[in-house]
């Protein structure tokens, strides 16, 4: 059990502000601005995002994955198609993302629908990965119970031996990408006295509308 008094933990947010006049009209443009600022601030893993999914029984699950591309359609990440997150998405394609950049006192929440990338897109990214990462994707039975660490290392060595000397490795069918196309994106900027700035963009036809939310 935590012995510290967590209710006493406090931090005043004073770094920046966010208002409707200065925000970009398109949330993907606004996200790109904030993401560039996170990169320029040399934050650790600025592309780390919490991905929340729901299974067929309505039970939620969340984990951190890495954003690998942002385009006009949405947010791209890669994973094992046999993983628990992939099974959830096969049952319910609705998902949510959260980016937290504590050093900038910022958070971004995204809600949308996820679909698989084309095999061509997944192939292109797989072939760009380091050789060892491609071997790891082939070797790991992601989310499946395994007896111990040695089992995983053995699987890696077997795959390493099988593809030794090969620079071109075919992407396994069980591994590839997804794109989350956003329906809502909320930008949160911490402010003094807990009067935080919250701007919510939501899709309206082919355009975006914006609301300010109370903190």
N, C-alpha and C. Protein backbone atom coordinates (compact mmCIF):
# COMPACT_ATOMS: atom_id res chain seq x y z
N UNK A 1 0.84 -1.21 0.00
CA UNK A 1 0.00 0.00 0.00
C UNK A 1 0.87 1.25 0.00
N UNK A 2 0.39 2.32 -0.67
CA UNK A 2 1.11 3.59 -0.70
C UNK A 2 0.99 4.25 0.67
N UNK A 3 2.13 4.59 1.27
CA UNK A 3 2.12 5.18 2.61
C UNK A 3 2.07 6.70 2.58
N UNK A 4 2.39 7.30 1.46
CA UNK A 4 2.36 8.75 1.37
C UNK A 4 0.92 9.26 1.25
N UNK A 5 0.71 10.48 1.65
CA UNK A 5 -0.60 11.12 1.52
C UNK A 5 -0.72 11.68 0.11
N UNK A 6 -1.34 10.90 -0.78
CA UNK A 6 -1.44 11.31 -2.19
C UNK A 6 -2.32 12.55 -2.36
N UNK A 7 -3.26 12.76 -1.43
CA UNK A 7 -4.14 13.92 -1.56
C UNK A 7 -3.38 15.23 -1.40
N UNK A 8 -2.17 15.15 -0.87
CA UNK A 8 -1.39 16.37 -0.65
C UNK A 8 -0.50 16.73 -1.83
N UNK A 9 -0.45 15.85 -2.84
CA UNK A 9 0.39 16.13 -4.01
C UNK A 9 -0.26 17.22 -4.85
N UNK A 10 0.48 18.29 -5.09
CA UNK A 10 -0.04 19.42 -5.84
C UNK A 10 1.02 19.97 -6.78
N UNK A 11 0.58 20.45 -7.93
CA UNK A 11 1.48 21.18 -8.83
C UNK A 11 0.67 22.27 -9.52
N UNK A 12 1.22 23.46 -9.54
CA UNK A 12 0.55 24.58 -10.20
C UNK A 12 0.98 24.62 -11.66
N UNK A 13 0.01 24.73 -12.57
CA UNK A 13 0.29 24.73 -14.00
C UNK A 13 0.33 26.16 -14.52
N UNK A 14 1.49 26.58 -14.98
CA UNK A 14 1.66 27.99 -15.37
C UNK A 14 2.42 28.18 -16.68
N UNK A 15 2.70 27.10 -17.39
CA UNK A 15 3.62 27.21 -18.53
C UNK A 15 3.02 27.92 -19.74
N UNK A 16 1.75 27.67 -20.05
CA UNK A 16 1.19 28.19 -21.30
C UNK A 16 -0.32 28.29 -21.20
N UNK A 17 -0.93 28.73 -22.30
CA UNK A 17 -2.39 28.83 -22.38
C UNK A 17 -2.83 28.33 -23.75
N UNK A 18 -4.14 28.14 -23.90
CA UNK A 18 -4.70 27.68 -25.17
C UNK A 18 -6.07 28.33 -25.34
N UNK A 19 -6.24 29.06 -26.42
CA UNK A 19 -7.55 29.67 -26.65
C UNK A 19 -8.01 29.46 -28.08
N UNK A 20 -9.29 29.73 -28.31
CA UNK A 20 -9.90 29.47 -29.59
C UNK A 20 -9.30 30.29 -30.72
N UNK A 21 -8.87 31.50 -30.43
CA UNK A 21 -8.35 32.38 -31.47
C UNK A 21 -6.99 31.92 -32.00
N UNK A 22 -6.17 31.37 -31.12
CA UNK A 22 -4.83 30.97 -31.54
C UNK A 22 -4.77 29.52 -32.02
N UNK A 23 -5.78 28.72 -31.70
CA UNK A 23 -5.78 27.30 -32.08
C UNK A 23 -6.02 27.15 -33.58
N UNK A 24 -5.41 26.14 -34.17
CA UNK A 24 -5.61 25.86 -35.59
C UNK A 24 -7.04 25.40 -35.84
N UNK A 25 -7.62 25.71 -37.01
CA UNK A 25 -8.99 25.29 -37.30
C UNK A 25 -9.14 23.78 -37.47
N UNK A 26 -8.06 23.11 -37.83
CA UNK A 26 -8.07 21.66 -37.99
C UNK A 26 -7.30 21.02 -36.83
N UNK A 27 -7.89 20.07 -36.11
CA UNK A 27 -7.22 19.49 -34.94
C UNK A 27 -5.94 18.73 -35.28
N UNK A 28 -5.85 18.16 -36.47
CA UNK A 28 -4.63 17.47 -36.84
C UNK A 28 -3.48 18.46 -37.03
N UNK A 29 -3.80 19.67 -37.51
CA UNK A 29 -2.79 20.72 -37.60
C UNK A 29 -2.37 21.17 -36.20
N UNK A 30 -3.36 21.30 -35.31
CA UNK A 30 -3.06 21.70 -33.94
C UNK A 30 -2.22 20.63 -33.24
N UNK A 31 -2.56 19.36 -33.48
CA UNK A 31 -1.76 18.28 -32.89
C UNK A 31 -0.34 18.33 -33.40
N UNK A 32 -0.18 18.55 -34.69
CA UNK A 32 1.16 18.59 -35.28
C UNK A 32 1.99 19.72 -34.66
N UNK A 33 1.36 20.87 -34.40
CA UNK A 33 2.07 21.98 -33.75
C UNK A 33 2.55 21.57 -32.36
N UNK A 34 1.66 20.98 -31.59
CA UNK A 34 2.04 20.56 -30.23
C UNK A 34 3.08 19.45 -30.26
N UNK A 35 2.94 18.54 -31.22
CA UNK A 35 3.90 17.44 -31.31
C UNK A 35 5.29 17.96 -31.67
N UNK A 36 5.37 18.91 -32.58
CA UNK A 36 6.66 19.50 -32.93
C UNK A 36 7.28 20.18 -31.72
N UNK A 37 6.47 20.85 -30.91
CA UNK A 37 6.98 21.48 -29.71
C UNK A 37 7.47 20.45 -28.70
N UNK A 38 6.80 19.29 -28.63
CA UNK A 38 7.26 18.21 -27.76
C UNK A 38 8.61 17.67 -28.24
N UNK A 39 8.77 17.56 -29.56
CA UNK A 39 10.04 17.11 -30.12
C UNK A 39 11.15 18.12 -29.83
N UNK A 40 10.85 19.38 -30.03
CA UNK A 40 11.84 20.43 -29.81
C UNK A 40 12.23 20.55 -28.34
N UNK A 41 11.36 20.09 -27.45
CA UNK A 41 11.64 20.13 -26.02
C UNK A 41 12.41 18.90 -25.55
N UNK A 42 12.71 17.99 -26.49
CA UNK A 42 13.48 16.77 -26.21
C UNK A 42 12.82 15.94 -25.10
N UNK A 43 11.50 15.82 -25.18
CA UNK A 43 10.79 14.99 -24.21
C UNK A 43 11.07 13.52 -24.51
N UNK A 44 11.12 12.67 -23.49
CA UNK A 44 11.33 11.24 -23.73
C UNK A 44 10.09 10.61 -24.37
N UNK A 45 10.29 9.89 -25.46
CA UNK A 45 9.21 9.19 -26.15
C UNK A 45 7.97 10.08 -26.35
N UNK A 46 8.08 11.20 -27.03
CA UNK A 46 6.91 12.07 -27.23
C UNK A 46 5.81 11.42 -28.04
N UNK A 47 6.15 10.36 -28.79
CA UNK A 47 5.14 9.66 -29.59
C UNK A 47 4.48 8.51 -28.84
N UNK A 48 4.77 8.36 -27.54
CA UNK A 48 4.11 7.34 -26.74
C UNK A 48 2.66 7.76 -26.49
N UNK A 49 1.74 6.84 -26.69
CA UNK A 49 0.32 7.16 -26.50
C UNK A 49 -0.39 5.96 -25.88
N UNK A 50 -1.30 6.24 -24.98
CA UNK A 50 -2.13 5.19 -24.40
C UNK A 50 -3.24 4.86 -25.38
N UNK A 51 -3.36 3.58 -25.72
CA UNK A 51 -4.42 3.11 -26.60
C UNK A 51 -5.43 2.33 -25.76
N UNK A 52 -6.66 2.78 -25.75
CA UNK A 52 -7.73 2.10 -25.00
C UNK A 52 -8.69 1.43 -25.97
N UNK A 53 -8.97 0.15 -25.72
CA UNK A 53 -9.90 -0.62 -26.53
C UNK A 53 -10.92 -1.28 -25.61
N UNK A 54 -11.96 -1.86 -26.22
CA UNK A 54 -13.01 -2.53 -25.46
C UNK A 54 -13.27 -3.88 -26.11
N UNK A 55 -13.36 -4.94 -25.29
CA UNK A 55 -13.58 -6.27 -25.86
C UNK A 55 -15.07 -6.53 -26.09
N UNK A 56 -15.39 -7.73 -26.54
CA UNK A 56 -16.76 -8.06 -26.91
C UNK A 56 -17.71 -8.05 -25.72
N UNK A 57 -17.16 -8.11 -24.49
CA UNK A 57 -17.99 -8.08 -23.29
C UNK A 57 -18.09 -6.69 -22.69
N UNK A 58 -17.51 -5.70 -23.36
CA UNK A 58 -17.55 -4.33 -22.87
C UNK A 58 -16.50 -4.02 -21.83
N UNK A 59 -15.51 -4.90 -21.68
CA UNK A 59 -14.44 -4.70 -20.70
C UNK A 59 -13.32 -3.87 -21.35
N UNK A 60 -12.97 -2.73 -20.77
CA UNK A 60 -11.92 -1.90 -21.36
C UNK A 60 -10.53 -2.40 -21.05
N UNK A 61 -9.59 -2.04 -21.90
CA UNK A 61 -8.19 -2.38 -21.70
C UNK A 61 -7.35 -1.26 -22.28
N UNK A 62 -6.25 -0.92 -21.60
CA UNK A 62 -5.40 0.17 -22.08
C UNK A 62 -3.94 -0.23 -21.98
N UNK A 63 -3.14 0.29 -22.92
CA UNK A 63 -1.71 0.03 -22.94
C UNK A 63 -1.04 1.15 -23.73
N UNK A 64 0.26 1.30 -23.57
CA UNK A 64 1.00 2.33 -24.29
C UNK A 64 1.59 1.74 -25.56
N UNK A 65 1.35 2.42 -26.69
CA UNK A 65 1.94 2.05 -27.97
C UNK A 65 2.60 3.31 -28.53
N UNK A 66 3.26 3.17 -29.66
CA UNK A 66 3.98 4.31 -30.24
C UNK A 66 3.33 4.78 -31.54
N UNK A 67 3.11 6.08 -31.62
CA UNK A 67 2.64 6.69 -32.87
C UNK A 67 3.77 6.63 -33.88
N UNK A 68 3.50 6.09 -35.05
CA UNK A 68 4.53 5.96 -36.07
C UNK A 68 4.30 6.85 -37.29
N UNK A 69 3.10 7.40 -37.40
CA UNK A 69 2.83 8.32 -38.51
C UNK A 69 1.57 9.09 -38.19
N UNK A 70 1.54 10.35 -38.61
CA UNK A 70 0.32 11.16 -38.55
C UNK A 70 0.11 11.73 -39.94
N UNK A 71 -1.04 11.42 -40.54
CA UNK A 71 -1.36 11.98 -41.85
C UNK A 71 -2.73 12.62 -41.79
N UNK A 72 -3.27 13.03 -42.92
CA UNK A 72 -4.56 13.71 -42.95
C UNK A 72 -5.71 12.78 -42.59
N UNK A 73 -5.44 11.48 -42.59
CA UNK A 73 -6.50 10.52 -42.23
C UNK A 73 -6.49 10.18 -40.75
N UNK A 74 -5.33 10.27 -40.10
CA UNK A 74 -5.31 9.96 -38.68
C UNK A 74 -3.98 9.47 -38.15
N UNK A 75 -4.07 8.69 -37.07
CA UNK A 75 -2.93 8.28 -36.26
C UNK A 75 -2.60 6.81 -36.54
N UNK A 76 -1.34 6.55 -36.89
CA UNK A 76 -0.92 5.21 -37.32
C UNK A 76 -0.03 4.56 -36.27
N UNK A 77 -0.32 3.29 -35.97
CA UNK A 77 0.54 2.48 -35.09
C UNK A 77 0.58 1.06 -35.62
N UNK A 78 1.53 0.28 -35.10
CA UNK A 78 1.74 -1.09 -35.58
C UNK A 78 1.74 -2.06 -34.40
N UNK A 79 1.31 -3.30 -34.68
CA UNK A 79 1.26 -4.29 -33.62
C UNK A 79 1.08 -5.68 -34.21
N UNK A 80 1.00 -6.67 -33.34
CA UNK A 80 0.72 -8.05 -33.72
C UNK A 80 -0.79 -8.21 -33.88
N UNK A 81 -1.23 -8.74 -35.01
CA UNK A 81 -2.65 -8.90 -35.27
C UNK A 81 -3.29 -10.01 -34.41
N UNK A 82 -2.47 -10.77 -33.68
CA UNK A 82 -2.98 -11.80 -32.78
C UNK A 82 -2.97 -11.34 -31.32
N UNK A 83 -2.58 -10.09 -31.10
CA UNK A 83 -2.51 -9.55 -29.74
C UNK A 83 -3.91 -9.28 -29.20
N UNK A 84 -3.99 -9.03 -27.90
CA UNK A 84 -5.28 -8.74 -27.28
C UNK A 84 -5.90 -7.47 -27.85
N UNK A 85 -5.07 -6.45 -28.10
CA UNK A 85 -5.61 -5.20 -28.63
C UNK A 85 -6.21 -5.43 -30.01
N UNK A 86 -5.57 -6.28 -30.81
CA UNK A 86 -6.07 -6.57 -32.15
C UNK A 86 -7.39 -7.35 -32.08
N UNK A 87 -7.48 -8.26 -31.12
CA UNK A 87 -8.73 -9.02 -30.94
C UNK A 87 -9.85 -8.08 -30.53
N UNK A 88 -9.54 -7.13 -29.64
CA UNK A 88 -10.55 -6.14 -29.25
C UNK A 88 -11.02 -5.34 -30.46
N UNK A 89 -10.07 -4.88 -31.26
CA UNK A 89 -10.41 -4.04 -32.41
C UNK A 89 -11.20 -4.80 -33.48
N UNK A 90 -10.97 -6.10 -33.55
CA UNK A 90 -11.73 -6.92 -34.50
C UNK A 90 -13.20 -7.00 -34.08
N UNK A 91 -13.44 -6.94 -32.77
CA UNK A 91 -14.82 -7.00 -32.24
C UNK A 91 -15.46 -5.61 -32.21
N UNK A 92 -14.65 -4.61 -31.87
CA UNK A 92 -15.15 -3.25 -31.74
C UNK A 92 -14.07 -2.29 -32.21
N UNK A 93 -14.23 -1.69 -33.39
CA UNK A 93 -13.17 -0.85 -33.96
C UNK A 93 -13.07 0.54 -33.32
N UNK A 94 -13.97 0.88 -32.41
CA UNK A 94 -13.88 2.17 -31.74
C UNK A 94 -12.80 2.12 -30.67
N UNK A 95 -11.97 3.16 -30.61
CA UNK A 95 -10.86 3.18 -29.66
C UNK A 95 -10.55 4.62 -29.28
N UNK A 96 -9.69 4.77 -28.27
CA UNK A 96 -9.28 6.09 -27.81
C UNK A 96 -7.77 6.12 -27.61
N UNK A 97 -7.19 7.30 -27.80
CA UNK A 97 -5.77 7.54 -27.58
C UNK A 97 -5.60 8.67 -26.57
N UNK A 98 -4.53 8.61 -25.80
CA UNK A 98 -4.17 9.71 -24.91
C UNK A 98 -2.68 9.95 -25.02
N UNK A 99 -2.30 11.20 -25.30
CA UNK A 99 -0.91 11.64 -25.26
C UNK A 99 -0.75 12.52 -24.02
N UNK A 100 0.28 12.27 -23.24
CA UNK A 100 0.54 13.07 -22.04
C UNK A 100 1.97 13.59 -22.10
N UNK A 101 2.09 14.91 -22.17
CA UNK A 101 3.40 15.57 -22.18
C UNK A 101 3.50 16.41 -20.90
N UNK A 102 3.86 15.75 -19.80
CA UNK A 102 3.84 16.39 -18.49
C UNK A 102 4.73 17.63 -18.43
N UNK A 103 5.90 17.54 -19.07
CA UNK A 103 6.83 18.66 -19.01
C UNK A 103 6.24 19.94 -19.62
N UNK A 104 5.33 19.77 -20.57
CA UNK A 104 4.66 20.90 -21.20
C UNK A 104 3.29 21.16 -20.60
N UNK A 105 2.92 20.34 -19.60
CA UNK A 105 1.62 20.44 -18.93
C UNK A 105 0.48 20.35 -19.95
N UNK A 106 0.60 19.33 -20.84
CA UNK A 106 -0.37 19.16 -21.91
C UNK A 106 -0.84 17.72 -22.02
N UNK A 107 -2.06 17.58 -22.47
CA UNK A 107 -2.63 16.27 -22.75
C UNK A 107 -3.51 16.38 -23.99
N UNK A 108 -3.50 15.32 -24.81
CA UNK A 108 -4.38 15.26 -25.98
C UNK A 108 -5.14 13.94 -25.92
N UNK A 109 -6.46 14.03 -26.05
CA UNK A 109 -7.32 12.85 -26.07
C UNK A 109 -7.95 12.72 -27.45
N UNK A 110 -7.95 11.50 -27.99
CA UNK A 110 -8.47 11.26 -29.33
C UNK A 110 -9.45 10.08 -29.27
N UNK A 111 -10.59 10.24 -29.92
CA UNK A 111 -11.58 9.16 -30.03
C UNK A 111 -11.89 8.96 -31.50
N UNK A 112 -11.93 7.70 -31.94
CA UNK A 112 -12.23 7.46 -33.35
C UNK A 112 -12.38 5.99 -33.67
N UNK A 113 -12.34 5.70 -34.95
CA UNK A 113 -12.51 4.34 -35.46
C UNK A 113 -11.20 3.87 -36.07
N UNK A 114 -10.86 2.63 -35.78
CA UNK A 114 -9.59 2.05 -36.21
C UNK A 114 -9.81 1.05 -37.34
N UNK A 115 -8.93 1.09 -38.32
CA UNK A 115 -8.95 0.09 -39.39
C UNK A 115 -7.52 -0.29 -39.74
N UNK A 116 -7.37 -1.49 -40.31
CA UNK A 116 -6.04 -1.96 -40.70
C UNK A 116 -5.50 -1.16 -41.87
N UNK A 117 -4.19 -0.99 -41.88
CA UNK A 117 -3.54 -0.41 -43.05
C UNK A 117 -3.52 -1.44 -44.18
N UNK A 118 -3.26 -0.98 -45.37
CA UNK A 118 -3.11 -1.91 -46.50
C UNK A 118 -1.83 -2.72 -46.31
N UNK A 119 -1.77 -3.94 -46.87
CA UNK A 119 -0.54 -4.73 -46.80
C UNK A 119 0.67 -3.96 -47.32
N UNK A 120 0.47 -3.14 -48.35
CA UNK A 120 1.58 -2.37 -48.91
C UNK A 120 2.14 -1.39 -47.88
N UNK A 121 1.25 -0.72 -47.15
CA UNK A 121 1.70 0.23 -46.13
C UNK A 121 2.42 -0.48 -45.00
N UNK A 122 1.87 -1.63 -44.57
CA UNK A 122 2.51 -2.39 -43.50
C UNK A 122 3.86 -2.94 -43.93
N UNK A 123 3.95 -3.40 -45.18
CA UNK A 123 5.22 -3.89 -45.70
C UNK A 123 6.29 -2.81 -45.68
N UNK A 124 5.90 -1.62 -46.11
CA UNK A 124 6.86 -0.52 -46.20
C UNK A 124 7.43 -0.18 -44.83
N UNK A 125 6.58 -0.12 -43.81
CA UNK A 125 7.09 0.20 -42.48
C UNK A 125 7.90 -0.96 -41.91
N UNK A 126 7.42 -2.19 -42.09
CA UNK A 126 8.15 -3.36 -41.57
C UNK A 126 9.57 -3.40 -42.13
N UNK A 127 9.71 -3.13 -43.41
CA UNK A 127 11.03 -3.17 -44.04
C UNK A 127 11.94 -2.02 -43.61
N UNK A 128 11.36 -0.98 -43.02
CA UNK A 128 12.17 0.14 -42.54
C UNK A 128 12.69 -0.08 -41.12
N UNK A 129 12.20 -1.11 -40.44
CA UNK A 129 12.57 -1.35 -39.04
C UNK A 129 13.98 -1.95 -38.95
N UNK A 130 14.64 -1.78 -37.81
CA UNK A 130 15.93 -2.45 -37.61
C UNK A 130 15.77 -3.97 -37.76
N UNK A 131 16.82 -4.62 -38.19
CA UNK A 131 16.76 -6.06 -38.44
C UNK A 131 16.30 -6.82 -37.19
N UNK A 132 16.83 -6.46 -36.02
CA UNK A 132 16.49 -7.16 -34.79
C UNK A 132 15.02 -6.98 -34.44
N UNK A 133 14.46 -5.81 -34.74
CA UNK A 133 13.05 -5.56 -34.45
C UNK A 133 12.15 -6.42 -35.34
N UNK A 134 12.57 -6.61 -36.58
CA UNK A 134 11.79 -7.48 -37.47
C UNK A 134 11.84 -8.93 -36.98
N UNK A 135 13.00 -9.35 -36.50
CA UNK A 135 13.13 -10.70 -35.96
C UNK A 135 12.26 -10.85 -34.72
N UNK A 136 12.25 -9.82 -33.87
CA UNK A 136 11.42 -9.87 -32.67
C UNK A 136 9.95 -9.98 -32.98
N UNK A 137 9.49 -9.28 -34.02
CA UNK A 137 8.08 -9.35 -34.41
C UNK A 137 7.70 -10.74 -34.89
N UNK A 138 8.64 -11.41 -35.54
CA UNK A 138 8.40 -12.77 -36.02
C UNK A 138 8.41 -13.76 -34.87
N UNK A 139 9.31 -13.56 -33.92
CA UNK A 139 9.52 -14.54 -32.85
C UNK A 139 8.50 -14.48 -31.74
N UNK A 140 7.99 -13.30 -31.42
CA UNK A 140 7.16 -13.15 -30.23
C UNK A 140 5.69 -13.50 -30.47
N UNK A 141 5.13 -14.45 -29.71
CA UNK A 141 3.70 -14.73 -29.76
C UNK A 141 2.97 -13.75 -28.84
N UNK A 142 2.88 -12.51 -29.25
CA UNK A 142 2.44 -11.43 -28.38
C UNK A 142 1.12 -11.72 -27.68
N UNK A 143 1.09 -11.41 -26.38
CA UNK A 143 -0.07 -11.55 -25.50
C UNK A 143 -0.38 -12.99 -25.12
N UNK A 144 0.37 -13.95 -25.66
CA UNK A 144 0.13 -15.35 -25.31
C UNK A 144 0.96 -15.74 -24.08
N UNK A 145 0.43 -16.60 -23.19
CA UNK A 145 1.21 -17.06 -22.04
C UNK A 145 2.44 -17.84 -22.50
N UNK A 146 3.57 -17.59 -21.89
CA UNK A 146 4.79 -18.34 -22.18
C UNK A 146 5.38 -18.82 -20.85
N UNK A 147 6.12 -19.94 -20.87
CA UNK A 147 6.60 -20.52 -19.60
C UNK A 147 7.63 -19.67 -18.87
N UNK A 148 8.51 -19.01 -19.62
CA UNK A 148 9.55 -18.21 -18.97
C UNK A 148 10.27 -17.36 -20.02
N UNK A 149 11.24 -16.57 -19.55
CA UNK A 149 12.01 -15.69 -20.43
C UNK A 149 12.84 -16.50 -21.42
N UNK A 150 13.34 -17.63 -20.98
CA UNK A 150 14.19 -18.46 -21.85
C UNK A 150 13.43 -18.93 -23.09
N UNK A 151 12.13 -19.18 -22.93
CA UNK A 151 11.31 -19.59 -24.06
C UNK A 151 11.34 -18.52 -25.14
N UNK A 152 11.18 -17.26 -24.73
CA UNK A 152 11.16 -16.14 -25.68
C UNK A 152 12.53 -15.97 -26.34
N UNK A 153 13.59 -16.08 -25.54
CA UNK A 153 14.93 -15.94 -26.09
C UNK A 153 15.25 -17.06 -27.07
N UNK A 154 14.74 -18.25 -26.79
CA UNK A 154 14.94 -19.37 -27.70
C UNK A 154 14.23 -19.12 -29.03
N UNK A 155 13.00 -18.61 -28.96
CA UNK A 155 12.25 -18.29 -30.17
C UNK A 155 12.99 -17.24 -31.00
N UNK A 156 13.56 -16.24 -30.32
CA UNK A 156 14.30 -15.19 -31.02
C UNK A 156 15.53 -15.77 -31.70
N UNK A 157 16.28 -16.64 -31.01
CA UNK A 157 17.49 -17.22 -31.59
C UNK A 157 17.16 -18.11 -32.77
N UNK A 158 16.03 -18.82 -32.69
CA UNK A 158 15.63 -19.68 -33.80
C UNK A 158 15.31 -18.82 -35.04
N UNK A 159 14.58 -17.73 -34.84
CA UNK A 159 14.25 -16.85 -35.96
C UNK A 159 15.50 -16.15 -36.47
N UNK A 160 16.38 -15.77 -35.54
CA UNK A 160 17.64 -15.12 -35.90
C UNK A 160 18.48 -16.03 -36.79
N UNK A 161 18.52 -17.32 -36.43
CA UNK A 161 19.28 -18.31 -37.21
C UNK A 161 18.63 -18.54 -38.57
N UNK A 162 17.30 -18.57 -38.60
CA UNK A 162 16.59 -18.84 -39.85
C UNK A 162 16.80 -17.73 -40.88
N UNK A 163 16.92 -16.49 -40.41
CA UNK A 163 17.03 -15.36 -41.33
C UNK A 163 18.44 -14.76 -41.36
N UNK A 164 19.40 -15.47 -40.81
CA UNK A 164 20.78 -14.97 -40.75
C UNK A 164 21.29 -14.65 -42.15
N UNK A 165 21.84 -13.46 -42.30
CA UNK A 165 22.40 -13.05 -43.58
C UNK A 165 21.39 -12.49 -44.56
N UNK A 166 20.10 -12.51 -44.20
CA UNK A 166 19.06 -12.00 -45.09
C UNK A 166 18.70 -10.57 -44.69
N UNK A 167 18.83 -9.66 -45.60
CA UNK A 167 18.44 -8.28 -45.31
C UNK A 167 16.97 -8.05 -45.63
N UNK A 168 16.46 -8.77 -46.60
CA UNK A 168 15.04 -8.67 -46.96
C UNK A 168 14.28 -9.79 -46.26
N UNK A 169 13.43 -9.40 -45.33
CA UNK A 169 12.64 -10.38 -44.58
C UNK A 169 11.16 -10.09 -44.82
N UNK A 170 10.42 -11.09 -45.22
CA UNK A 170 8.99 -10.91 -45.49
C UNK A 170 8.24 -10.62 -44.20
N UNK A 171 7.40 -9.62 -44.24
CA UNK A 171 6.56 -9.31 -43.08
C UNK A 171 5.63 -10.47 -42.78
N UNK A 172 5.58 -10.91 -41.52
CA UNK A 172 4.65 -12.00 -41.19
C UNK A 172 3.21 -11.54 -41.30
N UNK A 173 2.32 -12.44 -41.68
CA UNK A 173 0.92 -12.08 -41.86
C UNK A 173 0.27 -11.61 -40.57
N UNK A 174 0.83 -12.03 -39.44
CA UNK A 174 0.21 -11.68 -38.15
C UNK A 174 0.67 -10.33 -37.60
N UNK A 175 1.37 -9.55 -38.39
CA UNK A 175 1.91 -8.27 -37.91
C UNK A 175 1.63 -7.18 -38.93
N UNK A 176 1.20 -6.01 -38.46
CA UNK A 176 0.95 -4.91 -39.38
C UNK A 176 0.42 -3.68 -38.68
N UNK A 177 -0.11 -2.77 -39.48
CA UNK A 177 -0.48 -1.46 -38.95
C UNK A 177 -1.97 -1.21 -38.88
N UNK A 178 -2.28 -0.19 -38.09
CA UNK A 178 -3.65 0.32 -37.96
C UNK A 178 -3.63 1.84 -38.08
N UNK A 179 -4.74 2.38 -38.49
CA UNK A 179 -4.92 3.83 -38.47
C UNK A 179 -6.19 4.17 -37.71
N UNK A 180 -6.07 5.06 -36.72
CA UNK A 180 -7.25 5.56 -36.04
C UNK A 180 -7.66 6.87 -36.70
N UNK A 181 -8.85 6.87 -37.29
CA UNK A 181 -9.40 8.08 -37.89
C UNK A 181 -10.22 8.80 -36.83
N UNK A 182 -9.81 10.01 -36.45
CA UNK A 182 -10.45 10.67 -35.31
C UNK A 182 -11.84 11.22 -35.61
N UNK A 183 -12.70 11.12 -34.59
CA UNK A 183 -14.01 11.75 -34.61
C UNK A 183 -14.06 12.91 -33.62
N UNK A 184 -13.25 12.79 -32.56
CA UNK A 184 -13.13 13.85 -31.56
C UNK A 184 -11.67 13.96 -31.13
N UNK A 185 -11.18 15.17 -30.94
CA UNK A 185 -9.84 15.39 -30.40
C UNK A 185 -9.93 16.53 -29.39
N UNK A 186 -9.47 16.26 -28.18
CA UNK A 186 -9.49 17.28 -27.13
C UNK A 186 -8.07 17.66 -26.73
N UNK A 187 -7.81 18.96 -26.69
CA UNK A 187 -6.51 19.49 -26.27
C UNK A 187 -6.66 20.11 -24.88
N UNK A 188 -5.80 19.69 -23.97
CA UNK A 188 -5.84 20.14 -22.57
C UNK A 188 -4.52 20.81 -22.23
N UNK A 189 -4.62 22.05 -21.78
CA UNK A 189 -3.45 22.79 -21.33
C UNK A 189 -3.65 23.16 -19.87
N UNK A 190 -2.73 22.71 -19.02
CA UNK A 190 -2.83 23.01 -17.60
C UNK A 190 -2.72 24.50 -17.34
N UNK A 191 -3.57 25.00 -16.43
CA UNK A 191 -3.55 26.41 -16.06
C UNK A 191 -3.61 26.57 -14.54
N UNK A 192 -3.32 27.77 -14.09
CA UNK A 192 -3.31 28.07 -12.66
C UNK A 192 -4.71 27.87 -12.03
N UNK A 193 -4.71 27.48 -10.75
CA UNK A 193 -5.93 27.31 -9.96
C UNK A 193 -6.87 26.25 -10.52
N UNK A 194 -6.31 25.32 -11.27
CA UNK A 194 -7.08 24.23 -11.88
C UNK A 194 -8.12 24.71 -12.89
N UNK A 195 -7.98 25.95 -13.36
CA UNK A 195 -8.85 26.46 -14.41
C UNK A 195 -8.21 26.18 -15.76
N UNK A 196 -8.09 24.91 -16.07
CA UNK A 196 -7.37 24.46 -17.26
C UNK A 196 -8.11 24.84 -18.55
N UNK A 197 -7.34 24.96 -19.63
CA UNK A 197 -7.91 25.18 -20.95
C UNK A 197 -8.20 23.84 -21.60
N UNK A 198 -9.43 23.67 -22.08
CA UNK A 198 -9.82 22.44 -22.79
C UNK A 198 -10.57 22.83 -24.07
N UNK A 199 -10.01 22.46 -25.21
CA UNK A 199 -10.67 22.71 -26.49
C UNK A 199 -10.99 21.37 -27.13
N UNK A 200 -12.26 21.16 -27.43
CA UNK A 200 -12.71 19.92 -28.04
C UNK A 200 -13.10 20.17 -29.50
N UNK A 201 -12.45 19.45 -30.41
CA UNK A 201 -12.82 19.45 -31.82
C UNK A 201 -13.66 18.20 -32.08
N UNK A 202 -14.71 18.34 -32.87
CA UNK A 202 -15.49 17.18 -33.23
C UNK A 202 -15.89 17.27 -34.71
N UNK A 203 -15.90 16.10 -35.34
CA UNK A 203 -16.19 16.05 -36.77
C UNK A 203 -17.64 16.38 -37.02
N UNK A 204 -17.87 17.25 -38.02
CA UNK A 204 -19.22 17.62 -38.43
C UNK A 204 -19.26 17.59 -39.95
N UNK A 205 -19.69 16.44 -40.49
CA UNK A 205 -19.62 16.25 -41.93
C UNK A 205 -18.17 16.15 -42.35
N UNK A 206 -17.74 16.98 -43.29
CA UNK A 206 -16.37 16.96 -43.76
C UNK A 206 -15.52 18.05 -43.11
N UNK A 207 -16.08 18.73 -42.12
CA UNK A 207 -15.34 19.80 -41.45
C UNK A 207 -15.27 19.52 -39.95
N UNK A 208 -14.62 20.44 -39.24
CA UNK A 208 -14.46 20.31 -37.79
C UNK A 208 -15.09 21.50 -37.10
N UNK A 209 -15.70 21.23 -35.95
CA UNK A 209 -16.20 22.29 -35.08
C UNK A 209 -15.48 22.22 -33.76
N UNK A 210 -15.51 23.32 -33.01
CA UNK A 210 -14.74 23.40 -31.77
C UNK A 210 -15.61 23.94 -30.64
N UNK A 211 -15.45 23.34 -29.46
CA UNK A 211 -16.09 23.84 -28.25
C UNK A 211 -15.03 24.00 -27.18
N UNK A 212 -15.19 25.00 -26.33
CA UNK A 212 -14.39 25.08 -25.10
C UNK A 212 -15.16 24.30 -24.03
N UNK A 213 -14.43 23.48 -23.26
CA UNK A 213 -15.03 22.72 -22.18
C UNK A 213 -14.57 23.26 -20.84
N UNK A 214 -15.44 23.21 -19.86
CA UNK A 214 -15.06 23.60 -18.51
C UNK A 214 -14.12 22.55 -17.93
N UNK A 215 -13.15 23.00 -17.13
CA UNK A 215 -12.23 22.02 -16.55
C UNK A 215 -12.88 21.23 -15.43
